[in-house]
Protein backbone atom coordinates (compact mmCIF):
# COMPACT_ATOMS: atom_id res chain seq x y z
CA UNK A 1 -8.28 49.46 -106.52
CA UNK A 2 -8.41 52.62 -104.42
CA UNK A 3 -6.61 54.51 -101.72
CA UNK A 4 -6.56 58.00 -100.27
CA UNK A 5 -8.10 60.49 -102.65
CA UNK A 6 -7.67 64.06 -101.38
CA UNK A 7 -4.26 65.28 -102.47
CA UNK A 8 -4.08 62.67 -105.19
CA UNK A 9 -7.04 63.92 -107.18
CA UNK A 10 -7.81 67.50 -106.20
CA UNK A 11 -5.88 69.97 -108.38
CA UNK A 12 -6.19 72.81 -105.87
CA UNK A 13 -4.06 71.02 -103.28
CA UNK A 14 -0.29 71.53 -103.28
CA UNK A 15 2.57 69.73 -101.54
CA UNK A 16 5.10 71.59 -99.47
CA UNK A 17 7.03 68.81 -97.79
CA UNK A 18 10.33 69.03 -99.68
CA UNK A 19 12.53 71.97 -100.57
CA UNK A 20 13.73 70.16 -103.69
CA UNK A 21 13.07 71.62 -107.11
CA UNK A 22 11.20 69.58 -109.68
CA UNK A 23 13.34 66.99 -111.41
CA UNK A 24 13.62 66.47 -115.15
CA UNK A 25 11.80 63.46 -116.53
CA UNK A 26 13.48 60.42 -114.89
CA UNK A 27 13.89 58.16 -117.91
CA UNK A 28 16.14 55.84 -115.90
CA UNK A 29 13.06 54.66 -113.97
CA UNK A 30 11.43 53.17 -117.06
CA UNK A 31 11.35 49.36 -117.05
CA UNK A 32 9.51 46.30 -118.28
CA UNK A 33 7.46 44.21 -115.89
CA UNK A 34 5.81 40.81 -116.08
CA UNK A 35 2.37 40.14 -114.60
CA UNK A 36 1.69 36.97 -112.64
CA UNK A 37 -0.20 35.75 -115.71
CA UNK A 38 2.88 36.13 -117.91
CA UNK A 39 2.01 39.34 -119.77
CA UNK A 40 4.90 41.71 -120.47
CA UNK A 41 4.08 45.39 -119.85
CA UNK A 42 6.01 48.64 -119.77
CA UNK A 43 6.19 50.90 -116.70
CA UNK A 44 7.35 54.51 -116.83
CA UNK A 45 6.87 57.83 -115.04
CA UNK A 46 3.94 59.88 -116.25
CA UNK A 47 4.39 62.89 -118.55
CA UNK A 48 2.13 65.83 -119.43
CA UNK A 49 1.69 64.42 -122.94
CA UNK A 50 -0.06 61.38 -121.44
CA UNK A 51 -3.19 63.50 -120.95
CA UNK A 52 -5.28 61.93 -123.72
CA UNK A 53 -4.18 58.43 -122.76
CA UNK A 54 -5.29 59.10 -119.18
CA UNK A 55 -8.69 60.33 -120.39
CA UNK A 56 -9.12 57.21 -122.54
CA UNK A 57 -8.03 55.00 -119.64
CA UNK A 58 -10.59 56.56 -117.31
CA UNK A 59 -13.38 56.11 -119.84
CA UNK A 60 -12.69 52.36 -120.00
CA UNK A 61 -13.10 51.83 -116.25
CA UNK A 62 -16.21 50.24 -114.80
CA UNK A 63 -18.36 52.29 -112.44
CA UNK A 64 -17.27 50.00 -109.61
CA UNK A 65 -13.58 50.62 -110.21
CA UNK A 66 -14.17 54.36 -110.40
CA UNK A 67 -16.15 54.35 -107.15
CA UNK A 68 -13.46 52.37 -105.34
CA UNK A 69 -10.84 54.85 -106.53
CA UNK A 70 -12.65 58.13 -105.91
CA UNK A 71 -15.19 57.08 -103.23
CA UNK A 72 -17.79 58.71 -105.50
CA UNK A 73 -19.37 58.52 -108.95
CA UNK A 74 -16.82 60.20 -111.22
CA UNK A 75 -17.41 59.15 -114.84
CA UNK A 76 -15.19 61.80 -116.46
CA UNK A 77 -12.05 63.70 -115.54
CA UNK A 78 -12.13 67.46 -115.91
CA UNK A 79 -9.44 69.22 -117.92
CA UNK A 80 -8.07 70.66 -114.68
CA UNK A 81 -7.88 67.20 -113.11
CA UNK A 82 -6.12 65.76 -116.15
CA UNK A 83 -3.52 68.53 -116.07
CA UNK A 84 -2.98 68.03 -112.34
CA UNK A 85 -2.66 64.25 -112.63
CA UNK A 86 -0.24 64.27 -115.56
CA UNK A 87 1.95 67.18 -114.44
CA UNK A 88 4.13 66.11 -111.50
CA UNK A 89 7.47 67.27 -110.11
CA UNK A 90 8.89 63.72 -109.62
CA UNK A 91 9.78 64.72 -106.04
CA UNK A 92 6.75 65.53 -103.89
CA UNK A 93 4.33 64.27 -106.52
CA UNK A 94 5.12 61.24 -108.64
CA UNK A 95 3.14 58.87 -110.85
CA UNK A 96 3.86 55.73 -112.80
CA UNK A 97 1.81 54.51 -115.73
CA UNK A 98 1.80 50.97 -117.12
CA UNK A 99 1.27 50.38 -120.80
CA UNK A 100 0.37 47.38 -122.91
CA UNK A 101 1.72 48.55 -126.24
CA UNK A 102 0.23 52.03 -126.62
CA UNK A 103 -2.68 51.38 -124.25
CA UNK A 104 -2.51 52.74 -120.71
CA UNK A 105 -3.72 50.00 -118.34
CA UNK A 106 -2.71 51.19 -114.85
CA UNK A 107 -1.68 54.27 -112.89
CA UNK A 108 -0.02 54.52 -109.49
CA UNK A 109 0.97 57.69 -107.70
CA UNK A 110 2.14 59.22 -104.47
CA UNK A 111 1.58 62.72 -103.16
CA UNK A 112 3.56 64.04 -100.20
CA UNK A 113 1.53 65.32 -97.26
CA UNK A 114 2.72 68.92 -96.81
CA UNK A 115 5.60 69.47 -94.37
CA UNK A 116 5.93 65.75 -93.54
CA UNK A 117 7.85 62.71 -94.71
CA UNK A 118 4.57 60.85 -95.37
CA UNK A 119 2.93 60.50 -98.77
CA UNK A 120 -0.49 59.31 -99.81
CA UNK A 121 -0.39 56.47 -102.32
CA UNK A 122 -3.04 55.23 -104.76
CA UNK A 123 -3.44 52.87 -107.69
CA UNK A 124 -5.98 52.39 -110.42
CA UNK A 125 -5.89 49.39 -112.75
CA UNK A 126 -8.24 48.89 -115.67
CA UNK A 127 -10.72 46.08 -115.01
CA UNK A 128 -9.22 43.65 -117.53
CA UNK A 129 -5.80 43.81 -115.82
CA UNK A 130 -6.94 43.57 -112.21
CA UNK A 131 -5.75 40.57 -110.15
CA UNK A 132 -2.61 40.27 -112.31
CA UNK A 133 -0.20 41.46 -109.60
CA UNK A 134 0.14 44.96 -111.05
CA UNK A 135 -0.80 46.85 -107.88
CA UNK A 136 1.97 45.39 -105.78
CA UNK A 137 4.57 46.14 -108.46
CA UNK A 138 3.38 49.74 -108.59
CA UNK A 139 3.66 49.97 -104.80
CA UNK A 140 7.24 48.71 -104.71
CA UNK A 141 8.37 50.95 -107.55
CA UNK A 142 6.67 53.99 -106.06
CA UNK A 143 8.49 53.27 -102.80
CA UNK A 144 11.82 53.10 -104.64
CA UNK A 145 11.09 56.43 -106.30
CA UNK A 146 9.96 58.05 -103.05
CA UNK A 147 12.82 57.12 -100.71
CA UNK A 148 15.53 59.29 -102.33
CA UNK A 149 13.12 62.24 -102.07
CA UNK A 150 12.96 62.04 -98.28
CA UNK A 151 9.66 60.17 -98.01
CA UNK A 152 9.73 57.54 -95.27
CA UNK A 153 6.12 56.35 -94.99
CA UNK A 154 3.14 55.77 -97.24
CA UNK A 155 -0.43 56.27 -96.06
CA UNK A 156 -3.65 55.19 -97.73
CA UNK A 157 -7.36 54.78 -97.21
CA UNK A 158 -9.56 52.15 -98.79
CA UNK A 159 -13.01 50.74 -98.30
CA UNK A 160 -13.17 47.83 -95.90
CA UNK A 161 -14.66 45.54 -98.57
CA UNK A 162 -11.94 46.32 -101.13
CA UNK A 163 -10.17 43.01 -100.70
CA UNK A 164 -7.95 43.48 -103.73
CA UNK A 165 -6.36 46.68 -102.47
CA UNK A 166 -6.08 45.44 -98.89
CA UNK A 167 -4.37 42.34 -100.26
CA UNK A 168 -1.81 44.46 -102.11
CA UNK A 169 -0.75 46.14 -98.88
CA UNK A 170 -0.76 42.93 -96.85
CA UNK A 171 1.31 41.09 -99.46
CA UNK A 172 3.85 43.89 -99.84
CA UNK A 173 6.07 42.80 -96.96
CA UNK A 174 5.92 46.26 -95.36
CA UNK A 175 4.80 46.37 -91.69
CA UNK A 176 1.31 47.90 -91.62
CA UNK A 177 -0.42 50.00 -89.00
CA UNK A 178 -4.17 50.02 -89.65
CA UNK A 179 -7.37 51.43 -88.21
CA UNK A 180 -10.99 51.37 -89.37
CA UNK A 181 -13.79 53.88 -89.02
CA UNK A 182 -17.12 54.01 -90.88
CA UNK A 183 -16.01 51.09 -93.09
CA UNK A 184 -12.90 52.98 -94.25
CA UNK A 185 -9.54 51.36 -93.51
CA UNK A 186 -6.62 53.74 -92.91
CA UNK A 187 -3.11 52.37 -93.36
CA UNK A 188 0.38 53.71 -92.66
CA UNK A 189 3.66 51.89 -93.20
CA UNK A 190 7.39 52.57 -93.56
CA UNK A 191 8.72 52.09 -97.08
CA UNK A 192 12.33 51.23 -96.26
CA UNK A 193 13.27 47.99 -97.99
CA UNK A 194 13.29 45.01 -95.63
CA UNK A 195 14.29 41.39 -96.11
CA UNK A 196 10.61 40.45 -96.17
CA UNK A 197 9.60 43.07 -98.73
CA UNK A 198 12.65 42.20 -100.82
CA UNK A 199 11.70 38.51 -100.80
CA UNK A 200 8.18 39.39 -101.94
CA UNK A 201 9.67 41.62 -104.63
CA UNK A 202 11.88 38.84 -105.95
CA UNK A 203 8.99 36.42 -106.24
CA UNK A 204 6.96 38.89 -108.32
CA UNK A 205 9.61 40.23 -110.72
CA UNK A 206 11.43 38.69 -113.66
CA UNK A 207 12.42 41.33 -116.21
CA UNK A 208 14.50 43.80 -114.27
CA UNK A 209 17.15 43.81 -111.57
CA UNK A 210 15.56 44.20 -108.13
CA UNK A 211 16.92 46.27 -105.30
CA UNK A 212 18.95 44.74 -102.53
CA UNK A 213 17.67 44.87 -98.94
CA UNK A 214 18.52 48.28 -97.49
CA UNK A 215 18.89 49.91 -100.92
CA UNK A 216 17.48 53.41 -100.76
CA UNK A 217 16.31 53.26 -104.35
CA UNK A 218 18.64 55.83 -105.88
CA UNK A 219 18.87 55.21 -109.59
């Protein structure tokens, strides 16, 4: 799975879209999830001490998954990248990880585009857990985390042949605006909860209380 890569992976890029100070670790956003195949996993915001787990996660990915995420061959993360990806302010930059026991199996993040209410969003799921409905759960939870921080829209880019990622966005229930150029699909969509997105959310979740339509995600 892959989306926009610039601000989400480059440690020399900063976000300036919100005047808010960094938040303390939001433990209240931790929850259990259930995949469509019936596997119980744990989702929580990322922390700096997840650095080694992120390195191990990246090393387990196939070259195809890495290419779809980074649009390039990227077999290893640099120390600077690891620090950037695991150190977020939980306001303009936010990331969730999903764990199976102590093993990190998925990462989803958003990164505000400076001086806007848009944020780039991306997911990466280890090959063994792809097609288990994890991407769409990450998307909904990232939207819930983003709305109280003044983010109104998500944007993403993905390769035109990445059917899995395109399916995540199409199945989310959010109204999409899309364009394509040079086999890259660009997407933008509002992340306010709607009756349609809420109905999709209900069908995919079993272990935690979902938001009501119109809920701005404050928790």
